[in-house]
Protein backbone atom coordinates (compact mmCIF):
# COMPACT_ATOMS: atom_id res chain seq x y z
CA MET A 1 120.19 148.25 102.67
CA THR A 2 121.63 151.71 103.10
CA ILE A 3 124.34 152.18 105.73
CA ALA A 4 123.44 154.46 108.61
CA PRO A 5 126.20 156.90 109.70
CA ALA A 6 126.10 155.47 113.23
CA SER A 7 127.33 152.12 111.94
CA LEU A 8 130.19 153.41 109.73
CA ALA A 9 132.79 152.78 112.45
CA ALA A 10 132.12 149.05 112.14
CA HIS A 11 133.24 148.94 108.51
CA PRO A 12 136.79 148.86 107.13
CA PRO A 13 138.15 152.04 105.49
CA HIS A 14 138.62 152.19 101.74
CA LEU A 15 142.37 152.64 102.30
CA PHE A 16 144.13 150.32 104.73
CA PRO A 17 147.86 150.29 103.80
CA ASP A 18 148.55 146.84 105.28
CA TYR A 19 145.97 145.47 102.82
CA ALA A 20 148.18 146.21 99.83
CA SER A 21 145.62 146.27 97.01
CA THR A 22 143.61 149.04 98.71
CA ARG A 23 146.48 151.40 97.88
CA LYS A 24 145.38 151.18 94.24
CA ARG A 25 141.65 150.64 94.76
CA ALA A 26 140.94 153.36 97.32
CA PRO A 27 139.61 156.65 95.89
CA ALA A 28 142.15 159.49 96.01
CA LYS A 29 139.45 162.19 95.98
CA PRO A 30 136.15 162.63 97.84
CA LEU A 31 133.31 160.55 96.41
CA VAL A 32 130.76 162.31 94.23
CA LEU A 33 127.19 161.68 95.34
CA ILE A 34 124.89 160.95 92.39
CA PRO A 35 121.20 161.06 93.40
CA ALA A 36 119.40 157.83 92.61
CA THR A 37 116.20 157.85 90.58
CA LEU A 38 113.08 155.85 91.38
CA THR A 39 113.99 153.35 88.67
CA GLU A 40 117.36 152.63 90.26
CA LEU A 41 115.89 152.30 93.75
CA SER A 42 113.01 150.01 92.82
CA GLY A 43 114.56 147.70 90.24
CA PRO A 44 115.62 145.69 88.51
CA VAL A 45 115.22 142.86 91.01
CA TYR A 46 118.19 140.54 90.70
CA GLY A 47 117.34 136.87 90.51
CA HIS A 48 115.10 136.51 93.57
CA GLU A 49 112.37 134.64 91.73
CA THR A 50 114.72 132.27 89.88
CA VAL A 51 116.46 130.74 92.91
CA SER A 52 115.61 127.07 93.26
CA GLY A 53 115.49 125.26 96.57
CA ASP A 54 118.61 123.19 95.94
CA GLU A 55 120.96 126.07 95.02
CA GLY A 56 121.89 126.45 98.67
CA ASP A 57 123.45 122.98 98.79
CA LEU A 58 126.94 123.25 97.31
CA THR A 59 127.61 119.56 97.94
CA ARG A 60 125.03 118.36 95.39
CA GLN A 61 125.86 120.37 92.30
CA HIS A 62 127.90 117.64 90.57
CA ALA A 63 127.92 113.91 89.98
CA GLY A 64 129.84 113.15 93.18
CA GLU A 65 130.28 114.70 96.61
CA PRO A 66 133.10 117.19 97.20
CA LEU A 67 136.00 116.38 99.49
CA GLY A 68 136.29 118.06 102.86
CA GLU A 69 134.46 118.71 106.10
CA ARG A 70 130.75 119.08 105.35
CA ILE A 71 129.13 122.02 107.17
CA ILE A 72 125.75 123.72 107.46
CA VAL A 73 125.72 127.52 107.64
CA THR A 74 122.48 129.17 108.66
CA GLY A 75 121.38 132.42 110.21
CA ARG A 76 119.09 135.42 109.85
CA VAL A 77 119.26 138.74 108.05
CA LEU A 78 118.11 141.44 110.48
CA ASP A 79 117.66 145.21 110.61
CA GLU A 80 118.99 147.47 113.38
CA GLU A 81 115.99 146.67 115.60
CA GLY A 82 116.45 142.91 115.30
CA ARG A 83 113.52 142.53 112.91
CA PRO A 84 113.83 139.91 110.14
CA VAL A 85 114.42 141.03 106.55
CA PRO A 86 112.60 138.56 104.29
CA ASN A 87 113.13 138.02 100.55
CA THR A 88 116.81 138.93 100.68
CA LEU A 89 118.89 137.22 98.01
CA LEU A 90 122.16 135.82 99.36
CA GLU A 91 125.01 134.60 97.19
CA ILE A 92 128.05 132.87 98.62
CA TRP A 93 131.39 131.96 97.06
CA GLN A 94 134.38 130.25 98.59
CA ALA A 95 137.52 128.20 98.11
CA ASN A 96 137.35 124.42 98.29
CA ALA A 97 138.64 122.34 101.20
CA ALA A 98 142.19 122.63 99.85
CA GLY A 99 142.01 126.43 99.68
CA ARG A 100 141.59 126.70 95.89
CA TYR A 101 139.04 128.75 93.94
CA VAL A 102 137.62 127.75 90.57
CA HIS A 103 139.07 130.87 88.98
CA LEU A 104 141.73 131.48 86.32
CA ARG A 105 143.60 133.88 88.62
CA ASP A 106 143.96 131.21 91.31
CA GLN A 107 146.91 129.11 90.21
CA HIS A 108 148.58 128.19 93.51
CA PRO A 109 149.52 124.49 93.81
CA ALA A 110 146.46 123.14 95.61
CA PRO A 111 144.10 120.66 93.94
CA LEU A 112 140.84 121.59 92.30
CA ASP A 113 137.84 119.46 93.23
CA PRO A 114 135.79 118.35 90.19
CA ASN A 115 132.75 118.05 92.46
CA PHE A 116 132.92 121.52 93.97
CA THR A 117 132.30 124.81 92.19
CA GLY A 118 132.15 126.94 95.35
CA ALA A 119 129.08 129.11 94.73
CA GLY A 120 125.47 129.01 95.86
CA ARG A 121 122.33 131.11 96.34
CA ALA A 122 119.42 131.30 98.77
CA VAL A 123 116.57 133.69 99.59
CA THR A 124 115.58 134.48 103.18
CA ASP A 125 112.17 133.32 104.38
CA GLN A 126 109.61 135.35 106.33
CA ASP A 127 111.75 135.03 109.47
CA GLY A 128 114.79 136.37 107.61
CA ARG A 129 116.46 132.94 107.76
CA TYR A 130 118.75 131.38 105.16
CA ARG A 131 120.58 128.03 104.99
CA PHE A 132 123.56 126.69 103.04
CA THR A 133 125.19 123.27 102.99
CA THR A 134 128.81 123.29 101.86
CA VAL A 135 132.32 122.20 102.88
CA LYS A 136 134.63 124.15 105.13
CA PRO A 137 137.04 126.14 102.95
CA GLY A 138 140.77 125.87 103.40
CA ALA A 139 143.23 128.69 104.03
CA TYR A 140 145.19 129.91 100.99
CA PRO A 141 148.21 132.11 100.18
CA TRP A 142 147.54 135.54 98.71
CA ARG A 143 150.91 137.36 98.37
CA ASN A 144 149.86 140.53 100.19
CA HIS A 145 152.95 140.35 102.41
CA PRO A 146 155.62 137.72 103.14
CA ASN A 147 154.12 134.33 104.00
CA ALA A 148 150.58 135.73 103.74
CA TRP A 149 147.64 133.34 104.21
CA ARG A 150 143.95 134.15 104.35
CA PRO A 151 141.95 132.60 107.21
CA ALA A 152 139.22 130.18 106.14
CA HIS A 153 136.21 132.25 105.10
CA ILE A 154 133.04 132.34 103.02
CA HIS A 155 132.08 135.44 101.01
CA PHE A 156 128.48 136.66 101.34
CA SER A 157 126.70 139.00 98.94
CA LEU A 158 123.24 140.32 99.86
CA PHE A 159 120.79 141.90 97.43
CA GLY A 160 117.77 143.95 98.43
CA PRO A 161 115.11 145.20 96.01
CA SER A 162 117.53 146.68 93.46
CA PHE A 163 121.09 146.68 92.14
CA LEU A 164 121.92 149.63 94.40
CA SER A 165 121.23 147.63 97.54
CA ARG A 166 124.06 145.13 97.42
CA LEU A 167 126.23 144.44 100.47
CA VAL A 168 129.31 142.19 100.60
CA THR A 169 130.88 140.65 103.70
CA GLN A 170 132.86 137.61 104.84
CA MET A 171 132.16 134.92 107.40
CA TYR A 172 135.06 133.42 109.37
CA PHE A 173 135.32 130.38 111.61
CA PRO A 174 135.96 130.46 115.37
CA GLY A 175 139.46 130.00 116.73
CA ASP A 176 141.36 130.55 113.47
CA PRO A 177 145.09 131.15 114.25
CA LEU A 178 145.43 133.34 111.15
CA PHE A 179 143.20 136.15 112.45
CA ALA A 180 146.15 137.99 114.01
CA PHE A 181 148.03 138.07 110.69
CA ASP A 182 145.21 138.95 108.29
CA PRO A 183 145.02 142.65 107.28
CA ILE A 184 141.54 142.27 105.76
CA PHE A 185 140.12 141.05 109.07
CA ASN A 186 142.13 143.62 111.03
CA ALA A 187 141.16 146.52 108.76
CA ILE A 188 137.96 146.71 110.81
CA PRO A 189 138.84 149.19 113.57
CA ASP A 190 136.43 147.91 116.23
CA ALA A 191 137.40 144.56 117.82
CA ARG A 192 133.77 143.85 118.69
CA ALA A 193 132.78 144.44 115.07
CA ARG A 194 135.46 141.98 113.94
CA GLU A 195 133.94 139.34 116.20
CA ARG A 196 130.61 139.80 114.43
CA LEU A 197 132.26 138.31 111.33
CA VAL A 198 133.06 135.06 113.17
CA ALA A 199 130.39 132.37 112.94
CA ARG A 200 129.23 130.56 116.05
CA PHE A 201 129.44 126.77 116.21
CA ASP A 202 125.95 125.48 116.96
CA LEU A 203 125.24 121.93 118.09
CA ALA A 204 121.52 122.38 117.45
CA THR A 205 122.23 123.07 113.77
CA THR A 206 124.71 120.17 113.59
CA GLU A 207 123.21 117.04 112.04
CA PRO A 208 124.35 113.70 113.53
CA GLU A 209 126.76 111.76 111.32
CA TRP A 210 126.30 114.35 108.56
CA ALA A 211 127.56 117.91 109.09
CA LEU A 212 128.73 120.42 111.70
CA GLY A 213 126.51 123.49 112.07
CA TYR A 214 127.36 127.19 112.28
CA GLN A 215 125.16 130.21 112.96
CA PHE A 216 125.94 133.53 111.23
CA ASP A 217 123.47 136.41 111.54
CA ILE A 218 123.86 139.48 109.32
CA VAL A 219 122.71 142.82 110.74
CA LEU A 220 122.28 145.48 108.06
CA ARG A 221 122.53 148.70 110.05
CA GLY A 222 123.00 150.26 113.46
CA ARG A 223 125.25 149.72 116.44
CA ASP A 224 125.51 145.96 115.86
CA ALA A 225 125.89 146.11 112.08
CA THR A 226 127.87 143.38 110.36
CA PRO A 227 130.99 144.91 108.77
CA ILE A 228 130.79 145.20 104.99
CA GLU A 229 133.40 145.73 102.31
CA GLU A 230 133.93 146.68 98.72
CA PRO A 231 133.40 143.65 96.42
CA HIS A 232 136.68 141.89 95.51
CA ASP A 233 138.10 138.39 95.15
CA ASP A 234 140.42 138.09 98.16
């Protein structure tokens, strides 16, 4: 899951002043390249074999069902040639329908849902496809600037064959009015690349009287690469 130089323009810079916390997180000096050894490149494999089939359904992890709009999120992990990437471990985490995370740092006055933890895992099949069932997350305040609200989003983490091959991105929902005000979304310099973070509503994935469906493909490299970011909690 290395990033090809041709796709770097699709990704946000380490320092984007409007995204206030990057002022402290961004490196002040050039990065030092440390050559990876065979051990680091080939292992350890992180959790691929321990993922059970029901971990991708975030609505069935507790005694009752969570509140909110039930959704199905599915898609494929692809390389730059459109070929599927099987056996990729995906983790997702998100706020609940009220825009609240199960996290000690999240103390804004929105209710927690006792039936929603907000995290799940899945492994892509031979066609590179994954599937999650969850609830649509709510927007939430984040104090980056006056009256700052994050658009509804789901965090994705992808693991390849080793710890060094982890990518993190976010999936947004179509038509969100907060896009224009969100510095994380707008840190991506290419407008077309930003659109690749927006899921597509899909009636074929939608299940009657059950859940709306969204398609979200993740392209690892190349001209159509999905923008990635440094891991964080925003």
